[in-house]
N, C-alpha and C. Protein backbone atom coordinates (compact mmCIF):
# COMPACT_ATOMS: atom_id res chain seq x y z
N MET A 1 5.44 -10.04 -2.28
CA MET A 1 4.07 -10.55 -2.13
C MET A 1 3.16 -9.80 -1.90
N VAL A 2 2.22 -9.30 -2.21
CA VAL A 2 1.07 -8.02 -2.62
C VAL A 2 -0.03 -8.99 -1.43
N ASN A 3 0.08 -8.03 -0.20
CA ASN A 3 -1.41 -8.25 0.76
C ASN A 3 -2.85 -7.72 0.40
N LEU A 4 -3.37 -8.02 0.26
CA LEU A 4 -4.99 -7.41 0.12
C LEU A 4 -5.57 -7.26 1.68
N LEU A 5 -5.93 -5.99 1.56
CA LEU A 5 -6.73 -6.19 3.33
C LEU A 5 -8.45 -5.03 2.42
N THR A 6 -9.33 -6.08 2.27
CA THR A 6 -10.21 -5.76 1.98
C THR A 6 -11.54 -5.45 2.91
N GLY A 7 -12.55 -4.93 2.84
CA GLY A 7 -14.10 -4.85 3.16
C GLY A 7 -14.36 -3.54 3.26
N PRO A 8 -15.55 -2.99 3.99
CA PRO A 8 -16.08 -2.02 3.85
C PRO A 8 -15.65 -0.63 4.29
N LYS A 9 -15.61 0.61 3.78
CA LYS A 9 -15.56 1.68 4.21
C LYS A 9 -15.82 1.97 6.01
N GLY A 10 -15.01 2.07 6.90
CA GLY A 10 -15.00 2.05 8.65
C GLY A 10 -15.65 0.78 9.20
N SER A 11 -14.73 -0.59 8.67
CA SER A 11 -14.78 -1.69 8.69
C SER A 11 -12.73 -1.76 9.64
N GLY A 12 -12.70 -0.56 10.11
CA GLY A 12 -11.44 -0.83 10.90
C GLY A 12 -10.14 -1.09 9.94
N LYS A 13 -10.05 -0.85 8.46
CA LYS A 13 -8.85 -1.50 8.15
C LYS A 13 -7.72 -0.80 8.24
N THR A 14 -7.98 0.53 8.32
CA THR A 14 -6.74 1.77 8.67
C THR A 14 -6.09 1.30 10.00
N GLN A 15 -6.88 0.98 11.10
CA GLN A 15 -6.59 0.41 12.44
C GLN A 15 -5.34 -0.91 12.24
N GLN A 16 -5.98 -1.61 11.26
CA GLN A 16 -5.40 -2.91 11.36
C GLN A 16 -3.73 -2.87 10.44
N MET A 17 -4.24 -1.24 9.13
CA MET A 17 -2.81 -1.63 8.80
C MET A 17 -1.26 -0.62 9.57
N ILE A 18 -1.91 0.10 10.24
CA ILE A 18 -1.39 0.47 11.38
C ILE A 18 -0.35 -0.83 12.47
N GLU A 19 -1.00 -1.41 12.53
CA GLU A 19 -0.75 -2.72 13.69
C GLU A 19 0.36 -3.46 12.91
N LEU A 20 -0.68 -3.51 11.74
CA LEU A 20 0.68 -4.71 10.55
C LEU A 20 1.72 -3.91 10.76
N ALA A 21 1.84 -2.67 10.02
CA ALA A 21 3.04 -1.92 10.14
C ALA A 21 3.66 -1.75 10.87
N ASN A 22 3.44 -1.31 12.28
CA ASN A 22 4.14 -1.28 13.93
C ASN A 22 4.76 -2.97 14.06
N LYS A 23 3.96 -3.78 13.51
CA LYS A 23 4.45 -5.11 13.85
C LYS A 23 6.05 -5.05 13.05
N ALA A 24 5.79 -4.90 11.62
CA ALA A 24 6.37 -4.95 9.98
C ALA A 24 8.00 -4.69 10.82
N ALA A 25 7.81 -3.30 11.30
CA ALA A 25 8.76 -1.90 11.72
C ALA A 25 9.60 -2.45 12.63
N LYS A 26 9.06 -3.74 14.00
CA LYS A 26 9.70 -3.89 14.93
C LYS A 26 10.36 -5.24 14.42
N GLU A 27 10.03 -6.31 13.57
CA GLU A 27 10.64 -7.59 12.96
C GLU A 27 11.35 -7.44 11.97
N SER A 28 11.43 -6.46 11.08
CA SER A 28 12.21 -6.37 9.96
C SER A 28 13.41 -5.61 10.13
N ASP A 29 14.44 -6.50 9.30
CA ASP A 29 15.62 -6.13 8.62
C ASP A 29 16.04 -4.83 8.27
N GLY A 30 14.78 -4.18 8.27
CA GLY A 30 15.11 -3.04 6.81
C GLY A 30 13.78 -1.75 7.25
N HIS A 31 13.42 -0.99 5.87
CA HIS A 31 13.05 0.24 6.11
C HIS A 31 11.12 -0.36 5.57
N VAL A 32 10.32 0.52 6.37
CA VAL A 32 8.98 0.41 6.46
C VAL A 32 8.13 1.57 6.02
N PHE A 33 8.04 1.62 4.86
CA PHE A 33 6.72 2.75 4.65
C PHE A 33 5.41 2.26 4.85
N PHE A 34 4.87 3.68 5.25
CA PHE A 34 3.11 3.72 4.99
C PHE A 34 2.84 4.77 4.31
N ILE A 35 2.41 4.83 3.24
CA ILE A 35 1.86 5.64 2.48
C ILE A 35 -0.09 6.09 2.69
N LYS A 36 -0.23 7.13 2.92
CA LYS A 36 -2.00 7.42 3.15
C LYS A 36 -2.27 8.56 2.51
N LYS A 37 -3.32 9.27 2.77
CA LYS A 37 -3.60 10.16 1.78
C LYS A 37 -3.25 11.27 2.67
N SER A 38 -3.92 11.23 3.73
CA SER A 38 -3.82 12.77 4.87
C SER A 38 -2.45 12.54 5.75
N HIS A 39 -2.12 13.54 6.85
CA HIS A 39 -1.52 13.29 7.80
C HIS A 39 -2.30 12.72 9.21
N ARG A 40 -3.55 12.52 9.03
CA ARG A 40 -4.47 12.12 10.07
C ARG A 40 -3.89 10.93 10.48
N ASP A 41 -3.65 10.69 11.96
CA ASP A 41 -3.50 8.93 12.35
C ASP A 41 -1.72 8.51 12.33
N THR A 42 -1.04 9.39 11.49
CA THR A 42 0.36 9.84 11.90
C THR A 42 1.10 9.28 12.97
N TYR A 43 0.38 9.97 14.08
CA TYR A 43 0.90 9.75 15.15
C TYR A 43 1.08 7.87 16.07
N SER A 44 0.19 7.49 14.97
CA SER A 44 -0.14 5.95 15.52
C SER A 44 0.82 5.27 15.29
N LEU A 45 1.41 5.84 13.92
CA LEU A 45 2.58 4.50 13.77
C LEU A 45 3.77 5.06 14.63
N SER A 46 5.21 3.82 14.64
CA SER A 46 6.11 3.69 14.92
C SER A 46 7.00 5.06 14.43
N PHE A 47 8.08 5.52 15.32
CA PHE A 47 8.67 6.42 15.01
C PHE A 47 9.68 5.94 13.92
N ASP A 48 10.23 4.75 13.53
CA ASP A 48 10.72 4.51 12.73
C ASP A 48 10.19 4.02 11.18
N ILE A 49 8.98 4.15 11.10
CA ILE A 49 8.04 4.09 10.34
C ILE A 49 8.03 5.71 9.42
N ARG A 50 8.63 5.07 7.74
CA ARG A 50 8.59 6.43 7.09
C ARG A 50 7.19 6.83 6.71
N ALA A 51 5.89 7.42 7.16
CA ALA A 51 5.17 7.88 6.47
C ALA A 51 5.08 8.83 5.78
N ILE A 52 3.79 8.66 4.60
CA ILE A 52 3.86 9.75 3.42
C ILE A 52 2.81 9.97 3.33
N CYS A 53 2.31 10.59 3.03
CA CYS A 53 0.93 11.69 2.72
C CYS A 53 0.87 12.05 1.48
N MET A 54 -0.33 11.34 0.66
CA MET A 54 -0.18 11.77 -0.45
C MET A 54 -0.84 12.74 -0.80
N ASP A 55 -1.53 13.58 0.17
CA ASP A 55 -2.12 15.24 0.05
C ASP A 55 -0.52 16.01 0.03
N ASP A 56 0.68 15.50 -0.13
CA ASP A 56 1.62 16.36 -0.02
C ASP A 56 2.21 16.65 -1.70
N TYR A 57 1.24 15.67 -2.44
CA TYR A 57 2.16 14.98 -3.96
C TYR A 57 1.01 15.54 -4.65
N GLU A 58 0.23 16.30 -4.35
CA GLU A 58 -0.91 16.80 -5.72
C GLU A 58 -0.64 16.22 -6.99
N ALA A 59 0.69 16.47 -7.41
CA ALA A 59 0.92 16.36 -9.00
C ALA A 59 1.42 14.82 -9.08
N ILE A 60 0.73 13.81 -8.24
CA ILE A 60 0.79 12.33 -8.60
C ILE A 60 -0.75 12.14 -8.62
N ASP A 61 -1.21 12.44 -9.69
CA ASP A 61 -2.94 12.25 -9.92
C ASP A 61 -3.27 11.03 -10.62
N ASN A 62 -2.34 10.16 -11.17
CA ASN A 62 -3.13 8.76 -11.96
C ASN A 62 -2.28 8.08 -11.79
N ILE A 63 -2.56 6.76 -12.50
CA ILE A 63 -2.01 5.73 -11.46
C ILE A 63 -0.52 5.32 -11.95
N ASP A 64 -0.43 6.08 -13.29
CA ASP A 64 1.06 5.77 -14.01
C ASP A 64 2.27 6.86 -12.95
N ALA A 65 1.69 7.85 -12.40
CA ALA A 65 2.37 8.37 -11.60
C ALA A 65 2.50 7.86 -10.27
N TYR A 66 1.70 7.20 -9.51
CA TYR A 66 1.60 6.33 -8.40
C TYR A 66 2.37 5.45 -8.60
N LEU A 67 2.80 5.10 -9.65
CA LEU A 67 3.58 3.57 -9.68
C LEU A 67 5.07 4.11 -9.94
N GLY A 68 5.50 5.38 -10.71
CA GLY A 68 6.47 5.78 -10.65
C GLY A 68 7.04 6.47 -9.50
N PHE A 69 6.19 6.97 -8.82
CA PHE A 69 6.10 6.81 -7.09
C PHE A 69 6.73 6.13 -6.54
N ILE A 70 6.57 4.90 -6.51
CA ILE A 70 6.69 3.84 -6.00
C ILE A 70 8.36 3.40 -6.31
N TYR A 71 8.46 3.46 -7.50
CA TYR A 71 9.83 3.28 -8.29
C TYR A 71 10.30 4.22 -7.52
N GLY A 72 10.03 5.19 -7.71
CA GLY A 72 11.41 6.28 -7.28
C GLY A 72 11.87 6.06 -5.92
N MET A 73 10.79 5.53 -4.98
CA MET A 73 10.92 5.22 -3.37
C MET A 73 11.85 3.92 -3.75
N THR A 74 11.73 2.75 -3.85
CA THR A 74 12.75 1.82 -4.21
C THR A 74 13.72 1.69 -4.80
N SER A 75 14.02 3.35 -5.80
CA SER A 75 15.22 2.99 -6.78
C SER A 75 16.26 4.24 -5.70
N ALA A 76 15.66 4.96 -4.24
CA ALA A 76 16.45 5.63 -3.30
C ALA A 76 16.81 4.79 -2.31
N ASP A 77 15.89 3.71 -2.08
CA ASP A 77 16.07 3.22 -0.41
C ASP A 77 15.75 1.64 -1.02
N HIS A 78 17.43 1.12 -1.42
CA HIS A 78 17.02 -0.49 -1.78
C HIS A 78 16.90 -1.83 -0.16
N ASP A 79 17.01 -0.75 0.67
CA ASP A 79 16.46 -1.41 2.18
C ASP A 79 14.80 -1.58 2.08
N ILE A 80 14.16 -0.95 1.67
CA ILE A 80 12.94 -1.30 1.85
C ILE A 80 12.30 -3.12 2.02
N LYS A 81 11.47 -3.11 2.66
CA LYS A 81 11.24 -4.41 3.09
C LYS A 81 9.66 -4.21 3.10
N ALA A 82 9.07 -3.66 3.03
CA ALA A 82 7.34 -3.44 3.45
C ALA A 82 6.83 -2.33 2.21
N ILE A 83 5.93 -1.94 2.46
CA ILE A 83 5.31 -0.76 2.19
C ILE A 83 3.79 -0.80 1.86
N PHE A 84 3.41 -0.09 3.08
CA PHE A 84 2.04 -0.32 3.27
C PHE A 84 0.54 0.91 2.45
N ILE A 85 0.23 0.67 2.11
CA ILE A 85 -0.77 1.71 1.28
C ILE A 85 -1.96 1.18 1.62
N ASP A 86 -2.55 2.65 2.47
CA ASP A 86 -4.06 2.56 3.04
C ASP A 86 -5.04 3.29 2.26
N ALA A 87 -5.85 2.68 1.94
CA ALA A 87 -7.16 3.18 1.36
C ALA A 87 -6.93 3.58 -0.43
N ILE A 88 -6.37 2.87 -1.16
CA ILE A 88 -6.16 2.97 -2.16
C ILE A 88 -6.82 3.78 -3.10
N LEU A 89 -8.00 3.42 -3.04
CA LEU A 89 -8.98 4.53 -3.89
C LEU A 89 -9.25 5.59 -3.30
N LYS A 90 -8.63 6.11 -2.38
CA LYS A 90 -8.51 7.36 -1.94
C LYS A 90 -7.33 8.21 -2.80
N HIS A 91 -6.45 7.53 -3.57
CA HIS A 91 -5.07 8.47 -3.62
C HIS A 91 -5.03 8.44 -5.47
N ALA A 92 -4.53 8.98 -5.83
CA ALA A 92 -4.19 9.63 -7.16
C ALA A 92 -5.14 9.26 -8.44
N HIS A 93 -6.43 9.76 -7.92
CA HIS A 93 -8.09 9.23 -8.88
C HIS A 93 -7.70 7.79 -9.12
N ILE A 94 -7.60 6.80 -8.36
CA ILE A 94 -7.17 5.28 -8.94
C ILE A 94 -8.66 4.68 -8.18
N SER A 95 -9.18 3.99 -9.07
CA SER A 95 -10.62 3.75 -8.90
C SER A 95 -10.72 2.02 -9.01
N LEU A 96 -11.75 1.28 -8.58
CA LEU A 96 -11.51 0.14 -8.75
C LEU A 96 -11.50 -0.90 -9.96
N ASP A 97 -11.57 0.21 -11.20
CA ASP A 97 -11.36 -0.35 -12.60
C ASP A 97 -9.51 -0.64 -12.69
N ASP A 98 -8.84 0.47 -11.90
CA ASP A 98 -7.65 0.38 -12.11
C ASP A 98 -6.64 -0.71 -11.07
N ILE A 99 -7.83 -1.78 -9.71
CA ILE A 99 -7.30 -2.33 -9.59
C ILE A 99 -6.37 -3.44 -9.78
N PRO A 100 -7.00 -3.98 -11.04
CA PRO A 100 -6.43 -5.52 -11.67
C PRO A 100 -4.75 -4.94 -11.92
N GLU A 101 -4.25 -3.60 -13.20
CA GLU A 101 -3.45 -3.32 -13.44
C GLU A 101 -2.21 -2.83 -11.78
N PHE A 102 -2.88 -2.11 -11.17
CA PHE A 102 -2.34 -1.74 -10.16
C PHE A 102 -1.68 -3.21 -9.15
N VAL A 103 -2.78 -3.95 -9.37
CA VAL A 103 -1.78 -5.14 -8.35
C VAL A 103 -0.88 -5.83 -9.26
N GLU A 104 -0.99 -6.18 -10.32
CA GLU A 104 0.06 -6.86 -11.70
C GLU A 104 1.21 -5.94 -11.11
N LYS A 105 1.49 -4.89 -11.34
CA LYS A 105 2.50 -3.76 -11.08
C LYS A 105 3.13 -4.03 -9.83
N LEU A 106 2.24 -3.98 -8.97
CA LEU A 106 2.95 -4.62 -7.71
C LEU A 106 3.91 -5.90 -7.51
N LYS A 107 2.76 -6.89 -8.13
CA LYS A 107 3.47 -7.89 -7.88
C LYS A 107 4.91 -7.89 -8.34
N LYS A 108 4.65 -7.04 -9.74
CA LYS A 108 5.85 -7.39 -10.06
C LYS A 108 7.03 -6.50 -9.75
N ILE A 109 6.81 -5.20 -8.78
CA ILE A 109 7.92 -4.43 -8.13
C ILE A 109 8.67 -5.15 -7.05
N SER A 110 7.38 -6.47 -6.10
CA SER A 110 7.84 -7.07 -5.13
C SER A 110 9.01 -7.90 -5.42
N LYS A 111 8.61 -8.44 -6.57
CA LYS A 111 9.99 -9.34 -7.23
C LYS A 111 10.65 -8.54 -7.49
N GLU A 112 10.88 -8.12 -8.20
CA GLU A 112 12.19 -7.31 -8.59
C GLU A 112 13.20 -6.68 -7.38
N CYS A 113 12.32 -6.14 -6.36
CA CYS A 113 12.58 -5.54 -4.81
C CYS A 113 12.86 -6.28 -3.94
N ASP A 114 12.49 -7.57 -3.71
CA ASP A 114 12.29 -8.40 -2.61
C ASP A 114 11.65 -7.48 -1.49
N LEU A 115 10.46 -7.04 -1.77
CA LEU A 115 9.52 -6.32 -0.52
C LEU A 115 8.33 -6.76 -0.72
N ASP A 116 7.31 -6.76 0.40
CA ASP A 116 5.87 -6.78 0.49
C ASP A 116 5.18 -5.51 0.65
N PHE A 117 3.99 -5.81 -0.08
CA PHE A 117 2.85 -4.04 -0.09
C PHE A 117 2.01 -5.09 0.70
N TYR A 118 1.34 -4.21 1.49
CA TYR A 118 -0.07 -4.41 2.12
C TYR A 118 -0.73 -3.02 1.77
N VAL A 119 -1.91 -4.01 0.94
CA VAL A 119 -2.93 -2.73 0.45
C VAL A 119 -4.36 -2.67 0.90
N SER A 120 -4.62 -1.79 1.32
CA SER A 120 -6.15 -1.57 1.59
C SER A 120 -6.64 -0.71 0.79
N ILE A 121 -8.45 -1.73 0.66
CA ILE A 121 -8.61 -1.45 -0.87
C ILE A 121 -10.61 -1.52 -0.05
N SER A 122 -11.09 -0.45 0.25
CA SER A 122 -12.67 -0.16 0.59
C SER A 122 -13.31 -1.01 -0.55
N ALA A 123 -13.05 -2.57 -0.64
CA ALA A 123 -14.32 -3.21 -1.42
C ALA A 123 -14.66 -4.65 -1.01
N ALA A 124 -15.85 -4.79 -1.55
CA ALA A 124 -15.52 -6.57 -1.34
C ALA A 124 -14.44 -7.30 -1.68
N LYS A 125 -14.04 -8.52 -1.48
CA LYS A 125 -13.10 -9.33 -2.73
C LYS A 125 -14.07 -9.70 -3.78
N GLU A 126 -15.57 -9.72 -3.88
CA GLU A 126 -16.01 -9.86 -4.91
C GLU A 126 -15.99 -9.03 -6.18
N ASP A 127 -15.35 -7.96 -5.35
CA ASP A 127 -15.34 -6.39 -6.65
C ASP A 127 -14.45 -6.78 -7.38
N LEU A 128 -13.40 -7.32 -6.94
CA LEU A 128 -11.65 -7.58 -7.46
C LEU A 128 -11.80 -9.14 -8.00
N LYS A 129 -12.86 -9.27 -9.09
CA LYS A 129 -12.66 -10.50 -9.50
C LYS A 129 -12.12 -10.41 -11.19
N LEU A 130 -11.80 -9.39 -11.56
CA LEU A 130 -10.91 -9.21 -12.80
C LEU A 130 -9.98 -9.27 -12.18
N THR A 131 -9.60 -9.07 -11.06
CA THR A 131 -7.61 -9.36 -10.53
C THR A 131 -7.57 -10.27 -10.29
N ASN A 132 -6.22 -10.50 -10.77
CA ASN A 132 -5.40 -11.73 -10.93
C ASN A 132 -4.63 -11.56 -9.66
N THR A 133 -5.15 -12.33 -8.29
CA THR A 133 -4.72 -12.65 -6.83
C THR A 133 -3.86 -13.63 -6.87
N ASP A 134 -3.16 -14.33 -7.80
CA ASP A 134 -2.53 -15.48 -7.78
C ASP A 134 -1.06 -14.77 -7.05
N ASP A 135 -0.39 -15.34 -6.21
CA ASP A 135 0.53 -14.95 -5.35
C ASP A 135 0.56 -13.59 -5.08
N CYS A 136 -1.02 -13.18 -4.43
CA CYS A 136 -1.48 -12.43 -3.06
C CYS A 136 -2.00 -13.25 -2.16
N ALA A 137 -2.17 -12.54 -1.19
CA ALA A 137 -2.94 -13.20 0.11
C ALA A 137 -4.14 -11.99 0.69
N TYR A 138 -4.68 -12.58 1.01
CA TYR A 138 -5.63 -11.77 1.64
C TYR A 138 -6.12 -11.96 3.38
N LEU A 139 -5.94 -10.69 3.65
CA LEU A 139 -5.65 -10.22 4.86
C LEU A 139 -6.69 -10.56 6.03
N ASN A 140 -6.99 -10.73 7.06
CA ASN A 140 -8.64 -10.74 7.57
C ASN A 140 -8.57 -9.44 8.59
């Protein structure tokens, strides 16, 4: 399943994502990954969460490369149960216009690999009206 956390910048989405990831790591029987833009706040994550900072991967600069990166992670580790993507609009030049395609691809990967995605987006739900959110959940 793809879980979406929306809201304006500065509304506490990152902290909520960290709390959800830490909870998932405690309850999961598999691996939890947390993808973020920079190394900031990494210390807040549980030690058993694999933190990935996209600043370390400058070559990933578009939606296709980003999705390829996710496919690479899932092909290398079949025990991933959850991938948290914080502040997606700050990664790989992904814009709000890319979100409909991005969510569709994540839904496909989720089904293929039996894992959950949690994605925070600095936007209102209304800004995602072109996104097919069937099989998605909005987090509060």
